[in-house]
Amino acid sequence: MNFLIKLLLSTIIVFVLAHFLPGVSVDNLTSALVVAVVLGLLNTFLKPILVFLTIPVTLITLGFFLLVINAALILICDYFIAEFHVNGFLTALIFSVLLSISQSILNKIFVSKK
């Protein structure tokens, strides 16, 4: 059940951010759901590999390089989903930071810790 709540929250956040953030667009709520699923899959399978490969850079930058990895995952999602568009790296970086913050806040409010 928590998985479905997190997926629903991510879908809503993607849709709202795309509506209000210039440079990001998603065609409809169904496309936002697809974006949420693809981002979840990328974060589950690709992100750990990227984090491992960039450990030295991440350590030198005190972890800030993880923001670059998150933005890259957003751009990969943009590449594969025709209904989702991000206008450049800086926009992807801002989108990923706002997405992470929003998910953290809403998950604390709505997701139970059983």
PDB file of N, CA and C in Angstrom:
ATOM      1  N   MET A   1       0.817  -1.198   0.000  1.00  0.00           N
ATOM      2  CA  MET A   1       0.000   0.000   0.000  1.00  0.00           C
ATOM      3  C   MET A   1       0.859   1.259   0.000  1.00  0.00           C
ATOM      4  N   ASN A   2       1.961   1.246   0.787  1.00  0.00           N
ATOM      5  CA  ASN A   2       2.843   2.404   0.818  1.00  0.00           C
ATOM      6  C   ASN A   2       3.430   2.698  -0.555  1.00  0.00           C
ATOM      7  N   PHE A   3       3.726   1.633  -1.321  1.00  0.00           N
ATOM      8  CA  PHE A   3       4.264   1.823  -2.665  1.00  0.00           C
ATOM      9  C   PHE A   3       3.285   2.600  -3.540  1.00  0.00           C
ATOM     10  N   LEU A   4       2.011   2.238  -3.471  1.00  0.00           N
ATOM     11  CA  LEU A   4       1.003   2.925  -4.284  1.00  0.00           C
ATOM     12  C   LEU A   4       0.833   4.379  -3.858  1.00  0.00           C
ATOM     13  N   ILE A   5       0.899   4.625  -2.563  1.00  0.00           N
ATOM     14  CA  ILE A   5       0.793   5.999  -2.067  1.00  0.00           C
ATOM     15  C   ILE A   5       1.982   6.817  -2.553  1.00  0.00           C
ATOM     16  N   LYS A   6       3.185   6.249  -2.459  1.00  0.00           N
ATOM     17  CA  LYS A   6       4.381   6.957  -2.930  1.00  0.00           C
ATOM     18  C   LYS A   6       4.309   7.223  -4.429  1.00  0.00           C
ATOM     19  N   LEU A   7       3.824   6.249  -5.183  1.00  0.00           N
ATOM     20  CA  LEU A   7       3.694   6.421  -6.627  1.00  0.00           C
ATOM     21  C   LEU A   7       2.681   7.511  -6.959  1.00  0.00           C
ATOM     22  N   LEU A   8       1.561   7.517  -6.264  1.00  0.00           N
ATOM     23  CA  LEU A   8       0.548   8.548  -6.469  1.00  0.00           C
ATOM     24  C   LEU A   8       1.092   9.932  -6.117  1.00  0.00           C
ATOM     25  N   LEU A   9       1.794  10.033  -4.988  1.00  0.00           N
ATOM     26  CA  LEU A   9       2.383  11.308  -4.587  1.00  0.00           C
ATOM     27  C   LEU A   9       3.407  11.783  -5.610  1.00  0.00           C
ATOM     28  N   SER A  10       4.253  10.885  -6.085  1.00  0.00           N
ATOM     29  CA  SER A  10       5.255  11.255  -7.087  1.00  0.00           C
ATOM     30  C   SER A  10       4.595  11.726  -8.374  1.00  0.00           C
ATOM     31  N   THR A  11       3.528  11.053  -8.764  1.00  0.00           N
ATOM     32  CA  THR A  11       2.798  11.444  -9.971  1.00  0.00           C
ATOM     33  C   THR A  11       2.239  12.851  -9.834  1.00  0.00           C
ATOM     34  N   ILE A  12       1.626  13.127  -8.712  1.00  0.00           N
ATOM     35  CA  ILE A  12       1.043  14.454  -8.477  1.00  0.00           C
ATOM     36  C   ILE A  12       2.133  15.516  -8.437  1.00  0.00           C
ATOM     37  N   ILE A  13       3.249  15.220  -7.775  1.00  0.00           N
ATOM     38  CA  ILE A  13       4.342  16.184  -7.684  1.00  0.00           C
ATOM     39  C   ILE A  13       4.915  16.481  -9.067  1.00  0.00           C
ATOM     40  N   VAL A  14       5.143  15.446  -9.870  1.00  0.00           N
ATOM     41  CA  VAL A  14       5.659  15.650 -11.229  1.00  0.00           C
ATOM     42  C   VAL A  14       4.693  16.522 -12.025  1.00  0.00           C
ATOM     43  N   PHE A  15       3.413  16.231 -11.930  1.00  0.00           N
ATOM     44  CA  PHE A  15       2.405  16.995 -12.668  1.00  0.00           C
ATOM     45  C   PHE A  15       2.384  18.459 -12.227  1.00  0.00           C
ATOM     46  N   VAL A  16       2.402  18.696 -10.927  1.00  0.00           N
ATOM     47  CA  VAL A  16       2.352  20.069 -10.403  1.00  0.00           C
ATOM     48  C   VAL A  16       3.631  20.827 -10.749  1.00  0.00           C
ATOM     49  N   LEU A  17       4.792  20.197 -10.565  1.00  0.00           N
ATOM     50  CA  LEU A  17       6.050  20.868 -10.895  1.00  0.00           C
ATOM     51  C   LEU A  17       6.123  21.202 -12.380  1.00  0.00           C
ATOM     52  N   ALA A  18       5.667  20.300 -13.220  1.00  0.00           N
ATOM     53  CA  ALA A  18       5.682  20.559 -14.659  1.00  0.00           C
ATOM     54  C   ALA A  18       4.751  21.715 -15.022  1.00  0.00           C
ATOM     55  N   HIS A  19       3.695  21.865 -14.254  1.00  0.00           N
ATOM     56  CA  HIS A  19       2.748  22.948 -14.517  1.00  0.00           C
ATOM     57  C   HIS A  19       3.317  24.309 -14.106  1.00  0.00           C
ATOM     58  N   PHE A  20       4.051  24.352 -12.994  1.00  0.00           N
ATOM     59  CA  PHE A  20       4.514  25.629 -12.454  1.00  0.00           C
ATOM     60  C   PHE A  20       5.965  25.975 -12.777  1.00  0.00           C
ATOM     61  N   LEU A  21       6.783  25.003 -13.097  1.00  0.00           N
ATOM     62  CA  LEU A  21       8.204  25.255 -13.337  1.00  0.00           C
ATOM     63  C   LEU A  21       8.440  25.513 -14.823  1.00  0.00           C
ATOM     64  N   PRO A  22       8.918  26.710 -15.164  1.00  0.00           N
ATOM     65  CA  PRO A  22       9.191  26.986 -16.581  1.00  0.00           C
ATOM     66  C   PRO A  22      10.283  26.051 -17.107  1.00  0.00           C
ATOM     67  N   GLY A  23      10.097  25.565 -18.310  1.00  0.00           N
ATOM     68  CA  GLY A  23      11.088  24.683 -18.909  1.00  0.00           C
ATOM     69  C   GLY A  23      10.811  23.211 -18.707  1.00  0.00           C
ATOM     70  N   VAL A  24       9.766  22.890 -17.950  1.00  0.00           N
ATOM     71  CA  VAL A  24       9.378  21.492 -17.741  1.00  0.00           C
ATOM     72  C   VAL A  24       7.919  21.356 -18.161  1.00  0.00           C
ATOM     73  N   SER A  25       7.640  20.322 -18.947  1.00  0.00           N
ATOM     74  CA  SER A  25       6.246  20.099 -19.335  1.00  0.00           C
ATOM     75  C   SER A  25       5.952  18.609 -19.380  1.00  0.00           C
ATOM     76  N   VAL A  26       4.744  18.291 -19.009  1.00  0.00           N
ATOM     77  CA  VAL A  26       4.227  16.926 -19.111  1.00  0.00           C
ATOM     78  C   VAL A  26       2.817  17.063 -19.676  1.00  0.00           C
ATOM     79  N   ASP A  27       2.486  16.210 -20.642  1.00  0.00           N
ATOM     80  CA  ASP A  27       1.241  16.396 -21.385  1.00  0.00           C
ATOM     81  C   ASP A  27      -0.018  16.209 -20.544  1.00  0.00           C
ATOM     82  N   ASN A  28      -0.041  15.189 -19.698  1.00  0.00           N
ATOM     83  CA  ASN A  28      -1.250  14.922 -18.918  1.00  0.00           C
ATOM     84  C   ASN A  28      -0.883  14.105 -17.679  1.00  0.00           C
ATOM     85  N   LEU A  29      -1.881  13.790 -16.891  1.00  0.00           N
ATOM     86  CA  LEU A  29      -1.654  13.061 -15.642  1.00  0.00           C
ATOM     87  C   LEU A  29      -1.144  11.646 -15.896  1.00  0.00           C
ATOM     88  N   THR A  30      -1.602  11.028 -16.962  1.00  0.00           N
ATOM     89  CA  THR A  30      -1.114   9.687 -17.303  1.00  0.00           C
ATOM     90  C   THR A  30       0.376   9.723 -17.633  1.00  0.00           C
ATOM     91  N   SER A  31       0.788  10.750 -18.357  1.00  0.00           N
ATOM     92  CA  SER A  31       2.211  10.910 -18.668  1.00  0.00           C
ATOM     93  C   SER A  31       3.020  11.155 -17.399  1.00  0.00           C
ATOM     94  N   ALA A  32       2.452  11.897 -16.456  1.00  0.00           N
ATOM     95  CA  ALA A  32       3.129  12.123 -15.178  1.00  0.00           C
ATOM     96  C   ALA A  32       3.298  10.810 -14.421  1.00  0.00           C
ATOM     97  N   LEU A  33       2.309   9.928 -14.511  1.00  0.00           N
ATOM     98  CA  LEU A  33       2.420   8.604 -13.897  1.00  0.00           C
ATOM     99  C   LEU A  33       3.551   7.807 -14.544  1.00  0.00           C
ATOM    100  N   VAL A  34       3.642   7.862 -15.860  1.00  0.00           N
ATOM    101  CA  VAL A  34       4.723   7.165 -16.565  1.00  0.00           C
ATOM    102  C   VAL A  34       6.077   7.727 -16.142  1.00  0.00           C
ATOM    103  N   VAL A  35       6.171   9.047 -16.026  1.00  0.00           N
ATOM    104  CA  VAL A  35       7.417   9.680 -15.574  1.00  0.00           C
ATOM    105  C   VAL A  35       7.770   9.198 -14.173  1.00  0.00           C
ATOM    106  N   ALA A  36       6.796   9.155 -13.282  1.00  0.00           N
ATOM    107  CA  ALA A  36       7.048   8.703 -11.910  1.00  0.00           C
ATOM    108  C   ALA A  36       7.539   7.258 -11.886  1.00  0.00           C
ATOM    109  N   VAL A  37       6.943   6.401 -12.696  1.00  0.00           N
ATOM    110  CA  VAL A  37       7.360   4.993 -12.747  1.00  0.00           C
ATOM    111  C   VAL A  37       8.771   4.873 -13.310  1.00  0.00           C
ATOM    112  N   VAL A  38       9.042   5.565 -14.414  1.00  0.00           N
ATOM    113  CA  VAL A  38      10.370   5.486 -15.036  1.00  0.00           C
ATOM    114  C   VAL A  38      11.439   6.055 -14.108  1.00  0.00           C
ATOM    115  N   LEU A  39      11.145   7.174 -13.446  1.00  0.00           N
ATOM    116  CA  LEU A  39      12.111   7.728 -12.490  1.00  0.00           C
ATOM    117  C   LEU A  39      12.359   6.755 -11.341  1.00  0.00           C
ATOM    118  N   GLY A  40      11.310   6.097 -10.889  1.00  0.00           N
ATOM    119  CA  GLY A  40      11.479   5.090  -9.841  1.00  0.00           C
ATOM    120  C   GLY A  40      12.374   3.951 -10.289  1.00  0.00           C
ATOM    121  N   LEU A  41      12.173   3.493 -11.520  1.00  0.00           N
ATOM    122  CA  LEU A  41      13.012   2.414 -12.054  1.00  0.00           C
ATOM    123  C   LEU A  41      14.457   2.869 -12.243  1.00  0.00           C
ATOM    124  N   LEU A  42      14.642   4.085 -12.766  1.00  0.00           N
ATOM    125  CA  LEU A  42      16.002   4.611 -12.939  1.00  0.00           C
ATOM    126  C   LEU A  42      16.703   4.771 -11.592  1.00  0.00           C
ATOM    127  N   ASN A  43      15.968   5.258 -10.596  1.00  0.00           N
ATOM    128  CA  ASN A  43      16.556   5.417  -9.259  1.00  0.00           C
ATOM    129  C   ASN A  43      16.882   4.078  -8.614  1.00  0.00           C
ATOM    130  N   THR A  44      16.109   3.055  -8.944  1.00  0.00           N
ATOM    131  CA  THR A  44      16.338   1.734  -8.364  1.00  0.00           C
ATOM    132  C   THR A  44      17.502   1.007  -9.020  1.00  0.00           C
ATOM    133  N   PHE A  45      17.595   1.076 -10.341  1.00  0.00           N
ATOM    134  CA  PHE A  45      18.563   0.247 -11.055  1.00  0.00           C
ATOM    135  C   PHE A  45      19.793   1.000 -11.570  1.00  0.00           C
ATOM    136  N   LEU A  46      19.617   2.200 -12.102  1.00  0.00           N
ATOM    137  CA  LEU A  46      20.745   2.917 -12.704  1.00  0.00           C
ATOM    138  C   LEU A  46      21.496   3.795 -11.707  1.00  0.00           C
ATOM    139  N   LYS A  47      20.778   4.450 -10.812  1.00  0.00           N
ATOM    140  CA  LYS A  47      21.420   5.376  -9.878  1.00  0.00           C
ATOM    141  C   LYS A  47      22.491   4.710  -9.015  1.00  0.00           C
ATOM    142  N   PRO A  48      22.262   3.519  -8.456  1.00  0.00           N
ATOM    143  CA  PRO A  48      23.333   2.909  -7.650  1.00  0.00           C
ATOM    144  C   PRO A  48      24.619   2.671  -8.446  1.00  0.00           C
ATOM    145  N   ILE A  49      24.479   2.323  -9.713  1.00  0.00           N
ATOM    146  CA  ILE A  49      25.658   2.115 -10.556  1.00  0.00           C
ATOM    147  C   ILE A  49      26.385   3.437 -10.775  1.00  0.00           C
ATOM    148  N   LEU A  50      25.633   4.491 -11.082  1.00  0.00           N
ATOM    149  CA  LEU A  50      26.243   5.803 -11.292  1.00  0.00           C
ATOM    150  C   LEU A  50      26.899   6.328 -10.021  1.00  0.00           C
ATOM    151  N   VAL A  51      26.254   6.117  -8.894  1.00  0.00           N
ATOM    152  CA  VAL A  51      26.832   6.555  -7.618  1.00  0.00           C
ATOM    153  C   VAL A  51      28.136   5.821  -7.352  1.00  0.00           C
ATOM    154  N   PHE A  52      28.155   4.518  -7.595  1.00  0.00           N
ATOM    155  CA  PHE A  52      29.374   3.734  -7.378  1.00  0.00           C
ATOM    156  C   PHE A  52      30.504   4.205  -8.293  1.00  0.00           C
ATOM    157  N   LEU A  53      30.187   4.440  -9.555  1.00  0.00           N
ATOM    158  CA  LEU A  53      31.216   4.850 -10.514  1.00  0.00           C
ATOM    159  C   LEU A  53      31.760   6.251 -10.247  1.00  0.00           C
ATOM    160  N   THR A  54      30.996   7.062  -9.541  1.00  0.00           N
ATOM    161  CA  THR A  54      31.418   8.447  -9.300  1.00  0.00           C
ATOM    162  C   THR A  54      31.763   8.718  -7.838  1.00  0.00           C
ATOM    163  N   ILE A  55      32.088   7.683  -7.095  1.00  0.00           N
ATOM    164  CA  ILE A  55      32.430   7.864  -5.674  1.00  0.00           C
ATOM    165  C   ILE A  55      33.545   8.896  -5.470  1.00  0.00           C
ATOM    166  N   PRO A  56      34.651   8.840  -6.228  1.00  0.00           N
ATOM    167  CA  PRO A  56      35.707   9.839  -5.991  1.00  0.00           C
ATOM    168  C   PRO A  56      35.228  11.281  -6.185  1.00  0.00           C
ATOM    169  N   VAL A  57      34.492  11.529  -7.255  1.00  0.00           N
ATOM    170  CA  VAL A  57      33.993  12.882  -7.511  1.00  0.00           C
ATOM    171  C   VAL A  57      32.993  13.287  -6.436  1.00  0.00           C
ATOM    172  N   THR A  58      32.151  12.363  -6.031  1.00  0.00           N
ATOM    173  CA  THR A  58      31.164  12.648  -4.991  1.00  0.00           C
ATOM    174  C   THR A  58      31.845  12.998  -3.675  1.00  0.00           C
ATOM    175  N   LEU A  59      32.906  12.285  -3.340  1.00  0.00           N
ATOM    176  CA  LEU A  59      33.640  12.587  -2.106  1.00  0.00           C
ATOM    177  C   LEU A  59      34.320  13.945  -2.183  1.00  0.00           C
ATOM    178  N   ILE A  60      34.934  14.249  -3.319  1.00  0.00           N
ATOM    179  CA  ILE A  60      35.625  15.535  -3.477  1.00  0.00           C
ATOM    180  C   ILE A  60      34.640  16.695  -3.373  1.00  0.00           C
ATOM    181  N   THR A  61      33.445  16.515  -3.917  1.00  0.00           N
ATOM    182  CA  THR A  61      32.440  17.587  -3.895  1.00  0.00           C
ATOM    183  C   THR A  61      31.534  17.525  -2.672  1.00  0.00           C
ATOM    184  N   LEU A  62      31.898  16.686  -1.716  1.00  0.00           N
ATOM    185  CA  LEU A  62      31.137  16.541  -0.471  1.00  0.00           C
ATOM    186  C   LEU A  62      29.678  16.144  -0.710  1.00  0.00           C
ATOM    187  N   GLY A  63      29.455  15.340  -1.734  1.00  0.00           N
ATOM    188  CA  GLY A  63      28.124  14.826  -2.008  1.00  0.00           C
ATOM    189  C   GLY A  63      27.306  15.631  -2.988  1.00  0.00           C
ATOM    190  N   PHE A  64      27.776  16.815  -3.342  1.00  0.00           N
ATOM    191  CA  PHE A  64      26.987  17.650  -4.247  1.00  0.00           C
ATOM    192  C   PHE A  64      26.887  17.067  -5.652  1.00  0.00           C
ATOM    193  N   PHE A  65      27.808  16.177  -6.014  1.00  0.00           N
ATOM    194  CA  PHE A  65      27.735  15.553  -7.338  1.00  0.00           C
ATOM    195  C   PHE A  65      26.499  14.666  -7.468  1.00  0.00           C
ATOM    196  N   LEU A  66      25.932  14.249  -6.350  1.00  0.00           N
ATOM    197  CA  LEU A  66      24.691  13.468  -6.403  1.00  0.00           C
ATOM    198  C   LEU A  66      23.558  14.270  -7.045  1.00  0.00           C
ATOM    199  N   LEU A  67      23.608  15.595  -6.907  1.00  0.00           N
ATOM    200  CA  LEU A  67      22.617  16.442  -7.573  1.00  0.00           C
ATOM    201  C   LEU A  67      22.757  16.342  -9.088  1.00  0.00           C
ATOM    202  N   VAL A  68      24.001  16.254  -9.554  1.00  0.00           N
ATOM    203  CA  VAL A  68      24.256  16.094 -10.989  1.00  0.00           C
ATOM    204  C   VAL A  68      23.704  14.755 -11.474  1.00  0.00           C
ATOM    205  N   ILE A  69      23.906  13.715 -10.682  1.00  0.00           N
ATOM    206  CA  ILE A  69      23.377  12.394 -11.046  1.00  0.00           C
ATOM    207  C   ILE A  69      21.853  12.435 -11.120  1.00  0.00           C
ATOM    208  N   ASN A  70      21.214  13.076 -10.147  1.00  0.00           N
ATOM    209  CA  ASN A  70      19.750  13.185 -10.163  1.00  0.00           C
ATOM    210  C   ASN A  70      19.267  13.947 -11.397  1.00  0.00           C
ATOM    211  N   ALA A  71      19.951  15.036 -11.738  1.00  0.00           N
ATOM    212  CA  ALA A  71      19.576  15.800 -12.930  1.00  0.00           C
ATOM    213  C   ALA A  71      19.770  14.964 -14.192  1.00  0.00           C
ATOM    214  N   ALA A  72      20.830  14.179 -14.232  1.00  0.00           N
ATOM    215  CA  ALA A  72      21.069  13.304 -15.385  1.00  0.00           C
ATOM    216  C   ALA A  72      19.950  12.276 -15.527  1.00  0.00           C
ATOM    217  N   LEU A  73      19.467  11.754 -14.410  1.00  0.00           N
ATOM    218  CA  LEU A  73      18.355  10.797 -14.457  1.00  0.00           C
ATOM    219  C   LEU A  73      17.082  11.456 -14.992  1.00  0.00           C
ATOM    220  N   ILE A  74      16.866  12.708 -14.638  1.00  0.00           N
ATOM    221  CA  ILE A  74      15.718  13.455 -15.169  1.00  0.00           C
ATOM    222  C   ILE A  74      15.859  13.613 -16.684  1.00  0.00           C
ATOM    223  N   LEU A  75      17.074  13.932 -17.144  1.00  0.00           N
ATOM    224  CA  LEU A  75      17.298  14.094 -18.579  1.00  0.00           C
ATOM    225  C   LEU A  75      17.153  12.771 -19.330  1.00  0.00           C
ATOM    226  N   ILE A  76      17.562  11.677 -18.706  1.00  0.00           N
ATOM    227  CA  ILE A  76      17.365  10.354 -19.315  1.00  0.00           C
ATOM    228  C   ILE A  76      15.870  10.064 -19.438  1.00  0.00           C
ATOM    229  N   CYS A  77      15.131  10.398 -18.408  1.00  0.00           N
ATOM    230  CA  CYS A  77      13.675  10.221 -18.431  1.00  0.00           C
ATOM    231  C   CYS A  77      13.063  11.074 -19.547  1.00  0.00           C
ATOM    232  N   ASP A  78      13.545  12.295 -19.691  1.00  0.00           N
ATOM    233  CA  ASP A  78      13.093  13.185 -20.758  1.00  0.00           C
ATOM    234  C   ASP A  78      13.357  12.566 -22.129  1.00  0.00           C
ATOM    235  N   TYR A  79      14.492  11.924 -22.282  1.00  0.00           N
ATOM    236  CA  TYR A  79      14.866  11.309 -23.560  1.00  0.00           C
ATOM    237  C   TYR A  79      13.924  10.163 -23.937  1.00  0.00           C
ATOM    238  N   PHE A  80      13.531   9.377 -22.966  1.00  0.00           N
ATOM    239  CA  PHE A  80      12.743   8.179 -23.250  1.00  0.00           C
ATOM    240  C   PHE A  80      11.228   8.397 -23.266  1.00  0.00           C
ATOM    241  N   ILE A  81      10.748   9.466 -22.669  1.00  0.00           N
ATOM    242  CA  ILE A  81       9.299   9.698 -22.602  1.00  0.00           C
ATOM    243  C   ILE A  81       8.953  10.913 -23.459  1.00  0.00           C
ATOM    244  N   ALA A  82       8.229  10.673 -24.528  1.00  0.00           N
ATOM    245  CA  ALA A  82       7.922  11.731 -25.494  1.00  0.00           C
ATOM    246  C   ALA A  82       7.020  12.819 -24.905  1.00  0.00           C
ATOM    247  N   GLU A  83       6.197  12.474 -23.939  1.00  0.00           N
ATOM    248  CA  GLU A  83       5.251  13.439 -23.364  1.00  0.00           C
ATOM    249  C   GLU A  83       5.854  14.270 -22.231  1.00  0.00           C
ATOM    250  N   PHE A  84       7.132  14.073 -21.942  1.00  0.00           N
ATOM    251  CA  PHE A  84       7.814  14.770 -20.850  1.00  0.00           C
ATOM    252  C   PHE A  84       8.997  15.522 -21.439  1.00  0.00           C
ATOM    253  N   HIS A  85       9.073  16.834 -21.175  1.00  0.00           N
ATOM    254  CA  HIS A  85      10.138  17.652 -21.751  1.00  0.00           C
ATOM    255  C   HIS A  85      10.796  18.505 -20.671  1.00  0.00           C
ATOM    256  N   VAL A  86      12.119  18.537 -20.694  1.00  0.00           N
ATOM    257  CA  VAL A  86      12.903  19.376 -19.791  1.00  0.00           C
ATOM    258  C   VAL A  86      13.879  20.164 -20.657  1.00  0.00           C
ATOM    259  N   ASN A  87      13.897  21.482 -20.483  1.00  0.00           N
ATOM    260  CA  ASN A  87      14.731  22.354 -21.313  1.00  0.00           C
ATOM    261  C   ASN A  87      16.111  22.570 -20.711  1.00  0.00           C
ATOM    262  N   GLY A  88      16.943  21.554 -20.711  1.00  0.00           N
ATOM    263  CA  GLY A  88      18.327  21.737 -20.319  1.00  0.00           C
ATOM    264  C   GLY A  88      18.671  21.217 -18.939  1.00  0.00           C
ATOM    265  N   PHE A  89      19.984  21.231 -18.695  1.00  0.00           N
ATOM    266  CA  PHE A  89      20.517  20.645 -17.470  1.00  0.00           C
ATOM    267  C   PHE A  89      20.101  21.423 -16.220  1.00  0.00           C
ATOM    268  N   LEU A  90      20.187  22.748 -16.268  1.00  0.00           N
ATOM    269  CA  LEU A  90      19.847  23.547 -15.082  1.00  0.00           C
ATOM    270  C   LEU A  90      18.386  23.348 -14.685  1.00  0.00           C
ATOM    271  N   THR A  91      17.517  23.301 -15.665  1.00  0.00           N
ATOM    272  CA  THR A  91      16.102  23.046 -15.378  1.00  0.00           C
ATOM    273  C   THR A  91      15.914  21.662 -14.769  1.00  0.00           C
ATOM    274  N   ALA A  92      16.635  20.669 -15.298  1.00  0.00           N
ATOM    275  CA  ALA A  92      16.561  19.310 -14.741  1.00  0.00           C
ATOM    276  C   ALA A  92      17.077  19.289 -13.309  1.00  0.00           C
ATOM    277  N   LEU A  93      18.126  20.059 -13.033  1.00  0.00           N
ATOM    278  CA  LEU A  93      18.682  20.134 -11.682  1.00  0.00           C
ATOM    279  C   LEU A  93      17.667  20.733 -10.710  1.00  0.00           C
ATOM    280  N   ILE A  94      17.061  21.838 -11.103  1.00  0.00           N
ATOM    281  CA  ILE A  94      16.054  22.484 -10.252  1.00  0.00           C
ATOM    282  C   ILE A  94      14.853  21.555 -10.051  1.00  0.00           C
ATOM    283  N   PHE A  95      14.406  20.920 -11.133  1.00  0.00           N
ATOM    284  CA  PHE A  95      13.282  19.984 -11.053  1.00  0.00           C
ATOM    285  C   PHE A  95      13.597  18.840 -10.096  1.00  0.00           C
ATOM    286  N   SER A  96      14.799  18.277 -10.194  1.00  0.00           N
ATOM    287  CA  SER A  96      15.145  17.133  -9.335  1.00  0.00           C
ATOM    288  C   SER A  96      15.234  17.536  -7.867  1.00  0.00           C
ATOM    289  N   VAL A  97      15.755  18.730  -7.594  1.00  0.00           N
ATOM    290  CA  VAL A  97      15.834  19.196  -6.202  1.00  0.00           C
ATOM    291  C   VAL A  97      14.430  19.417  -5.638  1.00  0.00           C
ATOM    292  N   LEU A  98      13.579  20.095  -6.401  1.00  0.00           N
ATOM    293  CA  LEU A  98      12.207  20.337  -5.937  1.00  0.00           C
ATOM    294  C   LEU A  98      11.423  19.036  -5.792  1.00  0.00           C
ATOM    295  N   LEU A  99      11.644  18.104  -6.708  1.00  0.00           N
ATOM    296  CA  LEU A  99      10.985  16.799  -6.623  1.00  0.00           C
ATOM    297  C   LEU A  99      11.410  16.058  -5.360  1.00  0.00           C
ATOM    298  N   SER A 100      12.694  16.055  -5.072  1.00  0.00           N
ATOM    299  CA  SER A 100      13.200  15.359  -3.880  1.00  0.00           C
ATOM    300  C   SER A 100      12.662  15.971  -2.593  1.00  0.00           C
ATOM    301  N   ILE A 101      12.678  17.291  -2.524  1.00  0.00           N
ATOM    302  CA  ILE A 101      12.181  17.973  -1.324  1.00  0.00           C
ATOM    303  C   ILE A 101      10.688  17.703  -1.142  1.00  0.00           C
ATOM    304  N   SER A 102       9.930  17.830  -2.224  1.00  0.00           N
ATOM    305  CA  SER A 102       8.481  17.600  -2.155  1.00  0.00           C
ATOM    306  C   SER A 102       8.159  16.167  -1.756  1.00  0.00           C
ATOM    307  N   GLN A 103       8.880  15.214  -2.340  1.00  0.00           N
ATOM    308  CA  GLN A 103       8.647  13.811  -1.992  1.00  0.00           C
ATOM    309  C   GLN A 103       8.957  13.555  -0.524  1.00  0.00           C
ATOM    310  N   SER A 104      10.034  14.120  -0.027  1.00  0.00           N
ATOM    311  CA  SER A 104      10.391  13.917   1.381  1.00  0.00           C
ATOM    312  C   SER A 104       9.306  14.446   2.308  1.00  0.00           C
ATOM    313  N   ILE A 105       8.837  15.646   2.027  1.00  0.00           N
ATOM    314  CA  ILE A 105       7.820  16.259   2.880  1.00  0.00           C
ATOM    315  C   ILE A 105       6.509  15.468   2.827  1.00  0.00           C
ATOM    316  N   LEU A 106       6.037  15.178   1.618  1.00  0.00           N
ATOM    317  CA  LEU A 106       4.747  14.494   1.491  1.00  0.00           C
ATOM    318  C   LEU A 106       4.808  13.044   1.954  1.00  0.00           C
ATOM    319  N   ASN A 107       5.948  12.381   1.770  1.00  0.00           N
ATOM    320  CA  ASN A 107       6.070  11.011   2.277  1.00  0.00           C
ATOM    321  C   ASN A 107       6.017  10.981   3.803  1.00  0.00           C
ATOM    322  N   LYS A 108       6.599  11.984   4.459  1.00  0.00           N
ATOM    323  CA  LYS A 108       6.522  12.047   5.921  1.00  0.00           C
ATOM    324  C   LYS A 108       5.078  12.250   6.386  1.00  0.00           C
ATOM    325  N   ILE A 109       4.312  12.997   5.611  1.00  0.00           N
ATOM    326  CA  ILE A 109       2.933  13.285   5.995  1.00  0.00           C
ATOM    327  C   ILE A 109       2.000  12.109   5.707  1.00  0.00           C
ATOM    328  N   PHE A 110       2.116  11.506   4.519  1.00  0.00           N
ATOM    329  CA  PHE A 110       1.105  10.553   4.064  1.00  0.00           C
ATOM    330  C   PHE A 110       1.482   9.082   4.152  1.00  0.00           C
ATOM    331  N   VAL A 111       2.752   8.751   4.233  1.00  0.00           N
ATOM    332  CA  VAL A 111       3.162   7.344   4.211  1.00  0.00           C
ATOM    333  C   VAL A 111       3.372   6.863   5.640  1.00  0.00           C
ATOM    334  N   SER A 112       2.708   5.760   5.975  1.00  0.00           N
ATOM    335  CA  SER A 112       2.824   5.218   7.332  1.00  0.00           C
ATOM    336  C   SER A 112       4.117   4.426   7.476  1.00  0.00           C
ATOM    337  N   LYS A 113       4.618   4.364   8.710  1.00  0.00           N
ATOM    338  CA  LYS A 113       5.855   3.631   8.998  1.00  0.00           C
ATOM    339  C   LYS A 113       5.531   2.365   9.767  1.00  0.00           C
ATOM    340  N   LYS A 114       5.015   1.363   9.094  1.00  0.00           N
ATOM    341  CA  LYS A 114       4.651   0.112   9.768  1.00  0.00           C
ATOM    342  C   LYS A 114       5.749  -0.886   9.636  1.00  0.00           C
TER     343      LYS A 114
END
